[in-house]
Amino acid sequence: MTLPLSRRTVLRGAVVLGATAAVSPLLLAGTAQAYPWSRTLTQGATGADVTELQIRVAGWAADSPSHSRVSIDGEFGPGTAAAVRRFQAAYGLGADGQVGPATQSALNALEQSDGSTAHFNFSEFTDRVSGTFNGGKVSAATAKENARRCMYKLEAVRKKLGNKPITVNSGFRSIAHNAEIGGASDSMHMYGTAADLDVPGVANKTVYQKAETSGFSGLETYNTDHQHVDSRADLGRAWWWERLESADRRRGAGAEFAVDRDPAVAGRVGRPARDADLEFGDVGAGGALRERAGPGVRLGGAGQQQRADRRGR
């Protein structure tokens, strides 16, 4: 199907890794501004404006914990309509599933002039060493677009938490920086689709539970000093929600905790050093956790300095 294009060009593609095909994320390029909605969108509509709508309501994928995500395919189906109704209800609009002027205005109110969102900046998601989106496993433009999509999901999490400010400890990482801090060889951070979060005054378990309804297909267990979220399913990966009980079984009785000896975070007790799930981003056998403090940037609505970049998934 050929979809009409507006101010953004929609590119599709796939990359084959060995015998496994992974769908590459959509890349939307163009000058960012308040999106010029030109029509009321209803179920059955198709086009680039539907694609943009899906990106903006992707964080409203479910009412309860569910492996549910809004497909970013430019086709306004039942899943998109349900997400629109949840968005409308959350923002005090008539929940009819139709995207007219009032809903479009609410969607545009979440966008800053550079394409980032109301409570998150691109500077929060750039690599902590280079300050760019360069050097990852996808192009800089794709990594930045993935970060933008993540921001809209995080806007939904923020809203569900009662508009609590969210600190992004780590967003995009270059391959080099990810390796330096002991990240997974295929960490979602290198695609720009992951974020490690801290919400002051809110338990990580609560953040995890809200993320379960917000279309995030990768969730690290919440008994750490941050909450990891990612959208790996958007890249063709399997869903992965780490549960506390399964993590505890892997650790076993008397598990040793690795103490971070990096001067920037000396004395902080880290997560247990584990071998069983290294593919998901733990440190190597017996290795200590490592971090690098990056340049301070404005946090998502918090007005604080960011914490050191976290290693992880």
C-alpha atoms as a PDB file:
ATOM      1  CA  MET A   1       0.000   0.000   0.000  1.00  0.00           C
ATOM      2  CA  THR A   2       1.296   3.448  -0.888  1.00  0.00           C
ATOM      3  CA  LEU A   3       0.553   5.979   1.833  1.00  0.00           C
ATOM      4  CA  PRO A   4       0.238   9.729   1.194  1.00  0.00           C
ATOM      5  CA  LEU A   5       3.087  11.752   2.671  1.00  0.00           C
ATOM      6  CA  SER A   6       2.946  15.118   4.395  1.00  0.00           C
ATOM      7  CA  ARG A   7       5.883  17.016   5.895  1.00  0.00           C
ATOM      8  CA  ARG A   8       7.722  13.820   6.819  1.00  0.00           C
ATOM      9  CA  THR A   9       8.999  11.085   4.531  1.00  0.00           C
ATOM     10  CA  VAL A  10       8.240   7.542   5.660  1.00  0.00           C
ATOM     11  CA  LEU A  11      10.969   5.016   5.051  1.00  0.00           C
ATOM     12  CA  ARG A  12      10.540   1.335   5.650  1.00  0.00           C
ATOM     13  CA  GLY A  13      13.075  -1.472   5.541  1.00  0.00           C
ATOM     14  CA  ALA A  14      14.435  -4.624   7.104  1.00  0.00           C
ATOM     15  CA  VAL A  15      17.873  -5.834   8.059  1.00  0.00           C
ATOM     16  CA  VAL A  16      18.691  -9.523   8.200  1.00  0.00           C
ATOM     17  CA  LEU A  17      21.101 -10.673  10.894  1.00  0.00           C
ATOM     18  CA  GLY A  18      22.145 -14.236  10.124  1.00  0.00           C
ATOM     19  CA  ALA A  19      18.981 -16.288   9.974  1.00  0.00           C
ATOM     20  CA  THR A  20      16.998 -13.765  12.010  1.00  0.00           C
ATOM     21  CA  ALA A  21      15.131 -10.906  10.371  1.00  0.00           C
ATOM     22  CA  ALA A  22      14.770  -7.761  12.455  1.00  0.00           C
ATOM     23  CA  VAL A  23      12.436  -5.048  11.269  1.00  0.00           C
ATOM     24  CA  SER A  24      14.109  -1.657  11.309  1.00  0.00           C
ATOM     25  CA  PRO A  25      12.223   1.214  12.928  1.00  0.00           C
ATOM     26  CA  LEU A  26      10.429   3.756  10.799  1.00  0.00           C
ATOM     27  CA  LEU A  27      12.542   6.819  10.123  1.00  0.00           C
ATOM     28  CA  LEU A  28      10.648  10.073   9.882  1.00  0.00           C
ATOM     29  CA  ALA A  29      12.776  12.931   8.629  1.00  0.00           C
ATOM     30  CA  GLY A  30      11.932  16.591   8.337  1.00  0.00           C
ATOM     31  CA  THR A  31      11.771  19.903  10.128  1.00  0.00           C
ATOM     32  CA  ALA A  32       9.988  19.528  13.437  1.00  0.00           C
ATOM     33  CA  GLN A  33       7.132  21.834  14.395  1.00  0.00           C
ATOM     34  CA  ALA A  34       3.538  21.569  15.599  1.00  0.00           C
ATOM     35  CA  TYR A  35       2.166  18.845  13.382  1.00  0.00           C
ATOM     36  CA  PRO A  36      -0.103  20.287  10.646  1.00  0.00           C
ATOM     37  CA  TRP A  37      -3.114  18.021  11.036  1.00  0.00           C
ATOM     38  CA  SER A  38      -5.231  18.618   7.943  1.00  0.00           C
ATOM     39  CA  ARG A  39      -8.228  16.415   8.669  1.00  0.00           C
ATOM     40  CA  THR A  40     -10.162  14.646  11.393  1.00  0.00           C
ATOM     41  CA  LEU A  41      -8.779  11.136  11.743  1.00  0.00           C
ATOM     42  CA  THR A  42     -11.126   8.228  12.316  1.00  0.00           C
ATOM     43  CA  GLN A  43     -10.842   4.469  12.213  1.00  0.00           C
ATOM     44  CA  GLY A  44     -10.089   3.316   8.683  1.00  0.00           C
ATOM     45  CA  ALA A  45      -7.890   6.298   7.809  1.00  0.00           C
ATOM     46  CA  THR A  46      -4.387   5.749   6.454  1.00  0.00           C
ATOM     47  CA  GLY A  47      -1.424   8.014   5.876  1.00  0.00           C
ATOM     48  CA  ALA A  48       1.600   9.714   7.391  1.00  0.00           C
ATOM     49  CA  ASP A  49      -0.645  11.701   9.747  1.00  0.00           C
ATOM     50  CA  VAL A  50      -1.949   8.401  11.143  1.00  0.00           C
ATOM     51  CA  THR A  51       1.644   7.270  11.642  1.00  0.00           C
ATOM     52  CA  GLU A  52       2.376  10.434  13.623  1.00  0.00           C
ATOM     53  CA  LEU A  53      -0.803   9.938  15.641  1.00  0.00           C
ATOM     54  CA  GLN A  54       0.259   6.387  16.506  1.00  0.00           C
ATOM     55  CA  ILE A  55       3.662   7.595  17.709  1.00  0.00           C
ATOM     56  CA  ARG A  56       2.003  10.139  19.997  1.00  0.00           C
ATOM     57  CA  VAL A  57      -0.564   7.784  21.552  1.00  0.00           C
ATOM     58  CA  ALA A  58       1.723   4.729  21.729  1.00  0.00           C
ATOM     59  CA  GLY A  59       2.018   5.145  25.496  1.00  0.00           C
ATOM     60  CA  TRP A  60      -1.703   4.514  25.896  1.00  0.00           C
ATOM     61  CA  ALA A  61      -1.567   0.943  24.623  1.00  0.00           C
ATOM     62  CA  ALA A  62      -3.504  -0.794  27.413  1.00  0.00           C
ATOM     63  CA  ASP A  63      -5.694  -0.311  30.478  1.00  0.00           C
ATOM     64  CA  SER A  64      -3.918  -3.008  32.486  1.00  0.00           C
ATOM     65  CA  PRO A  65      -0.569  -4.864  32.263  1.00  0.00           C
ATOM     66  CA  SER A  66      -0.491  -6.410  28.826  1.00  0.00           C
ATOM     67  CA  HIS A  67       1.890  -7.283  26.026  1.00  0.00           C
ATOM     68  CA  SER A  68       0.109  -4.698  23.911  1.00  0.00           C
ATOM     69  CA  ARG A  69       1.599  -2.054  21.664  1.00  0.00           C
ATOM     70  CA  VAL A  70       0.244   0.406  19.131  1.00  0.00           C
ATOM     71  CA  SER A  71       1.439  -0.601  15.676  1.00  0.00           C
ATOM     72  CA  ILE A  72       3.204   2.275  13.925  1.00  0.00           C
ATOM     73  CA  ASP A  73       2.002   1.392  10.440  1.00  0.00           C
ATOM     74  CA  GLY A  74      -0.049   4.364   9.230  1.00  0.00           C
ATOM     75  CA  GLU A  75      -3.318   2.431   9.403  1.00  0.00           C
ATOM     76  CA  PHE A  76      -5.965   3.595  11.887  1.00  0.00           C
ATOM     77  CA  GLY A  77      -7.296   0.332  13.269  1.00  0.00           C
ATOM     78  CA  PRO A  78      -9.043  -0.753  16.481  1.00  0.00           C
ATOM     79  CA  GLY A  79      -5.811  -0.675  18.526  1.00  0.00           C
ATOM     80  CA  THR A  80      -5.096   2.906  17.520  1.00  0.00           C
ATOM     81  CA  ALA A  81      -8.696   3.901  18.266  1.00  0.00           C
ATOM     82  CA  ALA A  82      -8.506   2.347  21.735  1.00  0.00           C
ATOM     83  CA  ALA A  83      -5.238   4.188  22.458  1.00  0.00           C
ATOM     84  CA  VAL A  84      -6.807   7.459  21.295  1.00  0.00           C
ATOM     85  CA  ARG A  85      -9.758   6.969  23.648  1.00  0.00           C
ATOM     86  CA  ARG A  86      -7.402   6.382  26.590  1.00  0.00           C
ATOM     87  CA  PHE A  87      -5.430   9.496  25.680  1.00  0.00           C
ATOM     88  CA  GLN A  88      -8.611  11.540  25.401  1.00  0.00           C
ATOM     89  CA  ALA A  89      -9.916  10.341  28.758  1.00  0.00           C
ATOM     90  CA  ALA A  90      -6.598  11.119  30.460  1.00  0.00           C
ATOM     91  CA  TYR A  91      -6.584  14.664  29.084  1.00  0.00           C
ATOM     92  CA  GLY A  92     -10.218  15.433  29.860  1.00  0.00           C
ATOM     93  CA  LEU A  93     -11.494  15.179  26.293  1.00  0.00           C
ATOM     94  CA  GLY A  94     -14.520  13.399  24.927  1.00  0.00           C
ATOM     95  CA  ALA A  95     -13.340   9.798  24.508  1.00  0.00           C
ATOM     96  CA  ASP A  96     -14.866   9.071  21.118  1.00  0.00           C
ATOM     97  CA  GLY A  97     -11.751   7.706  19.394  1.00  0.00           C
ATOM     98  CA  GLN A  98     -11.914  10.404  16.723  1.00  0.00           C
ATOM     99  CA  VAL A  99      -8.987  12.763  16.328  1.00  0.00           C
ATOM    100  CA  GLY A 100     -10.452  16.167  15.637  1.00  0.00           C
ATOM    101  CA  PRO A 101      -9.253  19.701  16.467  1.00  0.00           C
ATOM    102  CA  ALA A 102      -9.465  19.349  20.271  1.00  0.00           C
ATOM    103  CA  THR A 103      -7.518  16.096  20.353  1.00  0.00           C
ATOM    104  CA  GLN A 104      -5.037  17.379  17.783  1.00  0.00           C
ATOM    105  CA  SER A 105      -4.454  20.464  19.925  1.00  0.00           C
ATOM    106  CA  ALA A 106      -3.794  18.284  22.979  1.00  0.00           C
ATOM    107  CA  LEU A 107      -1.352  16.157  20.976  1.00  0.00           C
ATOM    108  CA  ASN A 108       0.483  19.229  19.701  1.00  0.00           C
ATOM    109  CA  ALA A 109       0.715  20.663  23.206  1.00  0.00           C
ATOM    110  CA  LEU A 110       3.053  17.759  23.997  1.00  0.00           C
ATOM    111  CA  GLU A 111       5.539  18.737  21.259  1.00  0.00           C
ATOM    112  CA  GLN A 112       8.378  21.246  21.542  1.00  0.00           C
ATOM    113  CA  SER A 113       9.535  23.200  18.488  1.00  0.00           C
ATOM    114  CA  ASP A 114      12.536  20.908  17.887  1.00  0.00           C
ATOM    115  CA  GLY A 115      10.390  17.764  17.860  1.00  0.00           C
ATOM    116  CA  SER A 116      11.110  16.694  21.430  1.00  0.00           C
ATOM    117  CA  THR A 117       8.256  16.554  23.908  1.00  0.00           C
ATOM    118  CA  ALA A 118       6.938  18.902  26.562  1.00  0.00           C
ATOM    119  CA  HIS A 119       8.782  17.302  29.475  1.00  0.00           C
ATOM    120  CA  PHE A 120      11.805  15.716  27.778  1.00  0.00           C
ATOM    121  CA  ASN A 121      14.688  17.112  25.730  1.00  0.00           C
ATOM    122  CA  PHE A 122      16.869  15.418  23.134  1.00  0.00           C
ATOM    123  CA  SER A 123      19.875  16.385  25.277  1.00  0.00           C
ATOM    124  CA  GLU A 124      18.630  13.963  27.926  1.00  0.00           C
ATOM    125  CA  PHE A 125      18.874  11.068  25.486  1.00  0.00           C
ATOM    126  CA  THR A 126      22.200  11.738  23.717  1.00  0.00           C
ATOM    127  CA  ASP A 127      25.316   9.674  24.395  1.00  0.00           C
ATOM    128  CA  ARG A 128      26.892  10.815  27.651  1.00  0.00           C
ATOM    129  CA  VAL A 129      30.397  10.983  26.150  1.00  0.00           C
ATOM    130  CA  SER A 130      29.864  12.532  22.716  1.00  0.00           C
ATOM    131  CA  GLY A 131      26.622  14.391  23.385  1.00  0.00           C
ATOM    132  CA  THR A 132      25.284  13.109  20.045  1.00  0.00           C
ATOM    133  CA  PHE A 133      23.305  10.236  18.559  1.00  0.00           C
ATOM    134  CA  ASN A 134      26.319   9.043  16.546  1.00  0.00           C
ATOM    135  CA  GLY A 135      28.114   5.715  16.758  1.00  0.00           C
ATOM    136  CA  GLY A 136      25.234   3.403  17.622  1.00  0.00           C
ATOM    137  CA  LYS A 137      23.847   0.376  15.811  1.00  0.00           C
ATOM    138  CA  VAL A 138      21.595   2.557  13.669  1.00  0.00           C
ATOM    139  CA  SER A 139      22.119   5.906  11.994  1.00  0.00           C
ATOM    140  CA  ALA A 140      22.086   9.036  14.137  1.00  0.00           C
ATOM    141  CA  ALA A 141      18.801  10.106  12.523  1.00  0.00           C
ATOM    142  CA  THR A 142      17.152   6.771  13.355  1.00  0.00           C
ATOM    143  CA  ALA A 143      18.463   6.783  16.927  1.00  0.00           C
ATOM    144  CA  LYS A 144      17.131  10.307  17.424  1.00  0.00           C
ATOM    145  CA  GLU A 145      13.752   9.321  15.997  1.00  0.00           C
ATOM    146  CA  ASN A 146      13.625   6.295  18.288  1.00  0.00           C
ATOM    147  CA  ALA A 147      14.387   8.575  21.235  1.00  0.00           C
ATOM    148  CA  ARG A 148      11.526  10.867  20.170  1.00  0.00           C
ATOM    149  CA  ARG A 149       9.156   7.925  20.127  1.00  0.00           C
ATOM    150  CA  CYS A 150      10.364   6.875  23.550  1.00  0.00           C
ATOM    151  CA  MET A 151       9.634  10.388  24.824  1.00  0.00           C
ATOM    152  CA  TYR A 152       5.963  10.120  23.884  1.00  0.00           C
ATOM    153  CA  LYS A 153       5.648   6.845  25.774  1.00  0.00           C
ATOM    154  CA  LEU A 154       7.356   8.462  28.743  1.00  0.00           C
ATOM    155  CA  GLU A 155       4.905  11.363  28.563  1.00  0.00           C
ATOM    156  CA  ALA A 156       2.165   8.770  29.058  1.00  0.00           C
ATOM    157  CA  VAL A 157       3.985   7.193  32.017  1.00  0.00           C
ATOM    158  CA  ARG A 158       4.466  10.657  33.520  1.00  0.00           C
ATOM    159  CA  LYS A 159       0.766  11.421  33.151  1.00  0.00           C
ATOM    160  CA  LYS A 160      -0.205   8.087  34.722  1.00  0.00           C
ATOM    161  CA  LEU A 161       2.087   8.864  37.672  1.00  0.00           C
ATOM    162  CA  GLY A 162       0.218  12.085  38.369  1.00  0.00           C
ATOM    163  CA  ASN A 163       2.597  14.286  36.346  1.00  0.00           C
ATOM    164  CA  LYS A 164       5.586  13.327  38.472  1.00  0.00           C
ATOM    165  CA  PRO A 165       8.872  14.546  36.900  1.00  0.00           C
ATOM    166  CA  ILE A 166      10.946  11.727  35.398  1.00  0.00           C
ATOM    167  CA  THR A 167      14.749  11.723  35.417  1.00  0.00           C
ATOM    168  CA  VAL A 168      16.401  10.030  32.426  1.00  0.00           C
ATOM    169  CA  ASN A 169      19.683   8.572  33.698  1.00  0.00           C
ATOM    170  CA  SER A 170      20.651   7.001  30.387  1.00  0.00           C
ATOM    171  CA  GLY A 171      19.204   7.136  26.879  1.00  0.00           C
ATOM    172  CA  PHE A 172      21.137   6.515  23.677  1.00  0.00           C
ATOM    173  CA  ARG A 173      24.630   5.055  23.928  1.00  0.00           C
ATOM    174  CA  SER A 174      27.300   4.722  21.265  1.00  0.00           C
ATOM    175  CA  ILE A 175      28.713   1.233  20.760  1.00  0.00           C
ATOM    176  CA  ALA A 176      32.003   2.367  22.286  1.00  0.00           C
ATOM    177  CA  HIS A 177      30.440   3.919  25.386  1.00  0.00           C
ATOM    178  CA  ASN A 178      28.099   0.975  25.878  1.00  0.00           C
ATOM    179  CA  ALA A 179      31.070  -1.402  25.838  1.00  0.00           C
ATOM    180  CA  GLU A 180      33.026   0.824  28.199  1.00  0.00           C
ATOM    181  CA  ILE A 181      30.339   0.692  30.896  1.00  0.00           C
ATOM    182  CA  GLY A 182      29.640  -3.030  30.455  1.00  0.00           C
ATOM    183  CA  GLY A 183      26.380  -2.853  28.517  1.00  0.00           C
ATOM    184  CA  ALA A 184      24.889  -5.779  26.597  1.00  0.00           C
ATOM    185  CA  SER A 185      26.357  -6.451  23.170  1.00  0.00           C
ATOM    186  CA  ASP A 186      22.937  -5.746  21.661  1.00  0.00           C
ATOM    187  CA  SER A 187      21.692  -3.248  24.245  1.00  0.00           C
ATOM    188  CA  MET A 188      18.569  -1.394  23.205  1.00  0.00           C
ATOM    189  CA  HIS A 189      20.331   1.802  24.303  1.00  0.00           C
ATOM    190  CA  MET A 190      22.479   1.589  21.151  1.00  0.00           C
ATOM    191  CA  TYR A 191      19.321   1.905  19.042  1.00  0.00           C
ATOM    192  CA  GLY A 192      17.978   4.895  20.966  1.00  0.00           C
ATOM    193  CA  THR A 193      14.879   2.999  22.005  1.00  0.00           C
ATOM    194  CA  ALA A 194      15.722   2.550  25.716  1.00  0.00           C
ATOM    195  CA  ALA A 195      15.850   4.728  28.811  1.00  0.00           C
ATOM    196  CA  ASP A 196      16.890   4.208  32.424  1.00  0.00           C
ATOM    197  CA  LEU A 197      14.585   6.172  34.697  1.00  0.00           C
ATOM    198  CA  ASP A 198      14.358   7.582  38.181  1.00  0.00           C
ATOM    199  CA  VAL A 199      11.196   9.190  39.509  1.00  0.00           C
ATOM    200  CA  PRO A 200      11.929  10.984  42.793  1.00  0.00           C
ATOM    201  CA  GLY A 201       9.422  10.016  45.459  1.00  0.00           C
ATOM    202  CA  VAL A 202       7.964   7.129  43.433  1.00  0.00           C
ATOM    203  CA  ALA A 203       8.936   3.466  43.900  1.00  0.00           C
ATOM    204  CA  ASN A 204      10.440   1.737  40.878  1.00  0.00           C
ATOM    205  CA  LYS A 205       7.749  -0.931  41.212  1.00  0.00           C
ATOM    206  CA  THR A 206       5.104   1.722  40.591  1.00  0.00           C
ATOM    207  CA  VAL A 207       7.000   3.027  37.560  1.00  0.00           C
ATOM    208  CA  TYR A 208       7.302  -0.565  36.269  1.00  0.00           C
ATOM    209  CA  GLN A 209       3.564  -1.126  36.659  1.00  0.00           C
ATOM    210  CA  LYS A 210       2.701   2.042  34.734  1.00  0.00           C
ATOM    211  CA  ALA A 211       5.177   1.090  32.004  1.00  0.00           C
ATOM    212  CA  GLU A 212       3.364  -2.264  31.655  1.00  0.00           C
ATOM    213  CA  THR A 213       0.387  -0.334  30.243  1.00  0.00           C
ATOM    214  CA  SER A 214       2.459   2.039  28.112  1.00  0.00           C
ATOM    215  CA  GLY A 215       3.635  -0.131  25.229  1.00  0.00           C
ATOM    216  CA  PHE A 216       7.140  -0.829  26.561  1.00  0.00           C
ATOM    217  CA  SER A 217       8.204  -4.308  25.498  1.00  0.00           C
ATOM    218  CA  GLY A 218      11.420  -4.415  27.559  1.00  0.00           C
ATOM    219  CA  LEU A 219      11.304  -3.911  31.349  1.00  0.00           C
ATOM    220  CA  GLU A 220      14.055  -4.639  33.842  1.00  0.00           C
ATOM    221  CA  THR A 221      13.011  -5.807  37.290  1.00  0.00           C
ATOM    222  CA  TYR A 222      12.308  -2.917  39.624  1.00  0.00           C
ATOM    223  CA  ASN A 223      14.588  -3.851  42.554  1.00  0.00           C
ATOM    224  CA  THR A 224      17.462  -1.760  41.180  1.00  0.00           C
ATOM    225  CA  ASP A 225      18.444   1.897  41.568  1.00  0.00           C
ATOM    226  CA  HIS A 226      16.672   2.799  38.324  1.00  0.00           C
ATOM    227  CA  GLN A 227      13.895   1.505  36.083  1.00  0.00           C
ATOM    228  CA  HIS A 228      14.906   0.364  32.612  1.00  0.00           C
ATOM    229  CA  VAL A 229      12.321   0.570  29.815  1.00  0.00           C
ATOM    230  CA  ASP A 230      12.664  -0.096  26.098  1.00  0.00           C
ATOM    231  CA  SER A 231      10.637  -0.783  22.957  1.00  0.00           C
ATOM    232  CA  ARG A 232      12.509  -3.792  21.597  1.00  0.00           C
ATOM    233  CA  ALA A 233       9.379  -5.224  19.966  1.00  0.00           C
ATOM    234  CA  ASP A 234       9.373  -2.213  17.644  1.00  0.00           C
ATOM    235  CA  LEU A 235      12.691  -3.538  16.324  1.00  0.00           C
ATOM    236  CA  GLY A 236      11.334  -7.052  15.815  1.00  0.00           C
ATOM    237  CA  ARG A 237      12.636  -8.434  19.122  1.00  0.00           C
ATOM    238  CA  ALA A 238      10.678 -10.637  21.516  1.00  0.00           C
ATOM    239  CA  TRP A 239       8.994  -9.094  24.539  1.00  0.00           C
ATOM    240  CA  TRP A 240      11.012  -9.229  27.773  1.00  0.00           C
ATOM    241  CA  TRP A 241       9.533  -8.235  31.116  1.00  0.00           C
ATOM    242  CA  GLU A 242      11.866  -9.253  33.926  1.00  0.00           C
ATOM    243  CA  ARG A 243       9.935 -10.181  37.074  1.00  0.00           C
ATOM    244  CA  LEU A 244      11.253  -9.754  40.572  1.00  0.00           C
ATOM    245  CA  GLU A 245      10.668 -13.373  41.518  1.00  0.00           C
ATOM    246  CA  SER A 246      12.560 -14.716  38.488  1.00  0.00           C
ATOM    247  CA  ALA A 247      15.449 -12.362  39.185  1.00  0.00           C
ATOM    248  CA  ASP A 248      15.581 -13.563  42.785  1.00  0.00           C
ATOM    249  CA  ARG A 249      15.669 -17.206  41.675  1.00  0.00           C
ATOM    250  CA  ARG A 250      18.620 -16.467  39.404  1.00  0.00           C
ATOM    251  CA  ARG A 251      20.518 -14.749  42.184  1.00  0.00           C
ATOM    252  CA  GLY A 252      19.971 -17.531  44.704  1.00  0.00           C
ATOM    253  CA  ALA A 253      20.788 -17.437  48.383  1.00  0.00           C
ATOM    254  CA  GLY A 254      23.902 -15.585  49.408  1.00  0.00           C
ATOM    255  CA  ALA A 255      24.530 -13.933  46.038  1.00  0.00           C
ATOM    256  CA  GLU A 256      27.440 -11.511  46.118  1.00  0.00           C
ATOM    257  CA  PHE A 257      26.840  -7.888  45.207  1.00  0.00           C
ATOM    258  CA  ALA A 258      29.365  -6.106  43.001  1.00  0.00           C
ATOM    259  CA  VAL A 259      30.492  -2.803  44.473  1.00  0.00           C
ATOM    260  CA  ASP A 260      31.152  -0.070  41.957  1.00  0.00           C
ATOM    261  CA  ARG A 261      34.709   1.214  42.334  1.00  0.00           C
ATOM    262  CA  ASP A 262      34.420   3.972  39.756  1.00  0.00           C
ATOM    263  CA  PRO A 263      35.489   7.207  41.526  1.00  0.00           C
ATOM    264  CA  ALA A 264      32.360   8.961  40.250  1.00  0.00           C
ATOM    265  CA  VAL A 265      30.132   6.606  42.228  1.00  0.00           C
ATOM    266  CA  ALA A 266      32.526   5.105  44.786  1.00  0.00           C
ATOM    267  CA  GLY A 267      30.870   3.179  47.578  1.00  0.00           C
ATOM    268  CA  ARG A 268      27.521   2.597  45.865  1.00  0.00           C
ATOM    269  CA  VAL A 269      26.358  -0.962  46.107  1.00  0.00           C
ATOM    270  CA  GLY A 270      25.389  -2.181  42.683  1.00  0.00           C
ATOM    271  CA  ARG A 271      23.335  -5.068  41.393  1.00  0.00           C
ATOM    272  CA  PRO A 272      24.540  -8.635  41.826  1.00  0.00           C
ATOM    273  CA  ALA A 273      27.153  -9.736  39.310  1.00  0.00           C
ATOM    274  CA  ARG A 274      25.417 -12.475  37.330  1.00  0.00           C
ATOM    275  CA  ASP A 275      26.348 -14.740  34.465  1.00  0.00           C
ATOM    276  CA  ALA A 276      22.974 -16.273  33.651  1.00  0.00           C
ATOM    277  CA  ASP A 277      21.498 -13.363  31.702  1.00  0.00           C
ATOM    278  CA  LEU A 278      24.485 -11.564  30.225  1.00  0.00           C
ATOM    279  CA  GLU A 279      22.703 -11.405  26.895  1.00  0.00           C
ATOM    280  CA  PHE A 280      20.368  -8.870  28.481  1.00  0.00           C
ATOM    281  CA  GLY A 281      23.151  -6.591  29.561  1.00  0.00           C
ATOM    282  CA  ASP A 282      24.701  -7.587  32.865  1.00  0.00           C
ATOM    283  CA  VAL A 283      28.358  -7.168  33.600  1.00  0.00           C
ATOM    284  CA  GLY A 284      30.769  -9.988  32.774  1.00  0.00           C
ATOM    285  CA  ALA A 285      31.487 -12.874  35.109  1.00  0.00           C
ATOM    286  CA  GLY A 286      32.622 -11.468  38.426  1.00  0.00           C
ATOM    287  CA  GLY A 287      32.981  -7.962  37.007  1.00  0.00           C
ATOM    288  CA  ALA A 288      32.041  -4.841  38.888  1.00  0.00           C
ATOM    289  CA  LEU A 289      29.490  -2.384  37.606  1.00  0.00           C
ATOM    290  CA  ARG A 290      30.941   0.677  35.933  1.00  0.00           C
ATOM    291  CA  GLU A 291      29.516   4.078  35.124  1.00  0.00           C
ATOM    292  CA  ARG A 292      30.690   7.293  33.595  1.00  0.00           C
ATOM    293  CA  ALA A 293      29.281  10.616  34.670  1.00  0.00           C
ATOM    294  CA  GLY A 294      28.150  12.566  31.647  1.00  0.00           C
ATOM    295  CA  PRO A 295      27.543  16.253  31.099  1.00  0.00           C
ATOM    296  CA  GLY A 296      24.666  17.590  33.177  1.00  0.00           C
ATOM    297  CA  VAL A 297      21.510  18.324  31.228  1.00  0.00           C
ATOM    298  CA  ARG A 298      17.997  19.460  32.088  1.00  0.00           C
ATOM    299  CA  LEU A 299      15.810  16.647  33.324  1.00  0.00           C
ATOM    300  CA  GLY A 300      12.310  15.819  32.181  1.00  0.00           C
ATOM    301  CA  GLY A 301      10.442  18.524  34.040  1.00  0.00           C
ATOM    302  CA  ALA A 302      12.588  18.161  37.153  1.00  0.00           C
ATOM    303  CA  GLY A 303      15.115  20.960  36.696  1.00  0.00           C
ATOM    304  CA  GLN A 304      17.868  18.872  38.288  1.00  0.00           C
ATOM    305  CA  GLN A 305      21.187  17.483  37.081  1.00  0.00           C
ATOM    306  CA  GLN A 306      21.159  14.025  35.575  1.00  0.00           C
ATOM    307  CA  ARG A 307      22.777  11.141  37.349  1.00  0.00           C
ATOM    308  CA  ALA A 308      25.631   9.152  35.913  1.00  0.00           C
ATOM    309  CA  ASP A 309      24.913   7.027  32.879  1.00  0.00           C
ATOM    310  CA  ARG A 310      23.838   3.518  33.844  1.00  0.00           C
ATOM    311  CA  ARG A 311      25.107   0.316  32.354  1.00  0.00           C
ATOM    312  CA  GLY A 312      22.435  -2.199  31.466  1.00  0.00           C
ATOM    313  CA  ARG A 313      20.089  -3.494  28.884  1.00  0.00           C
END
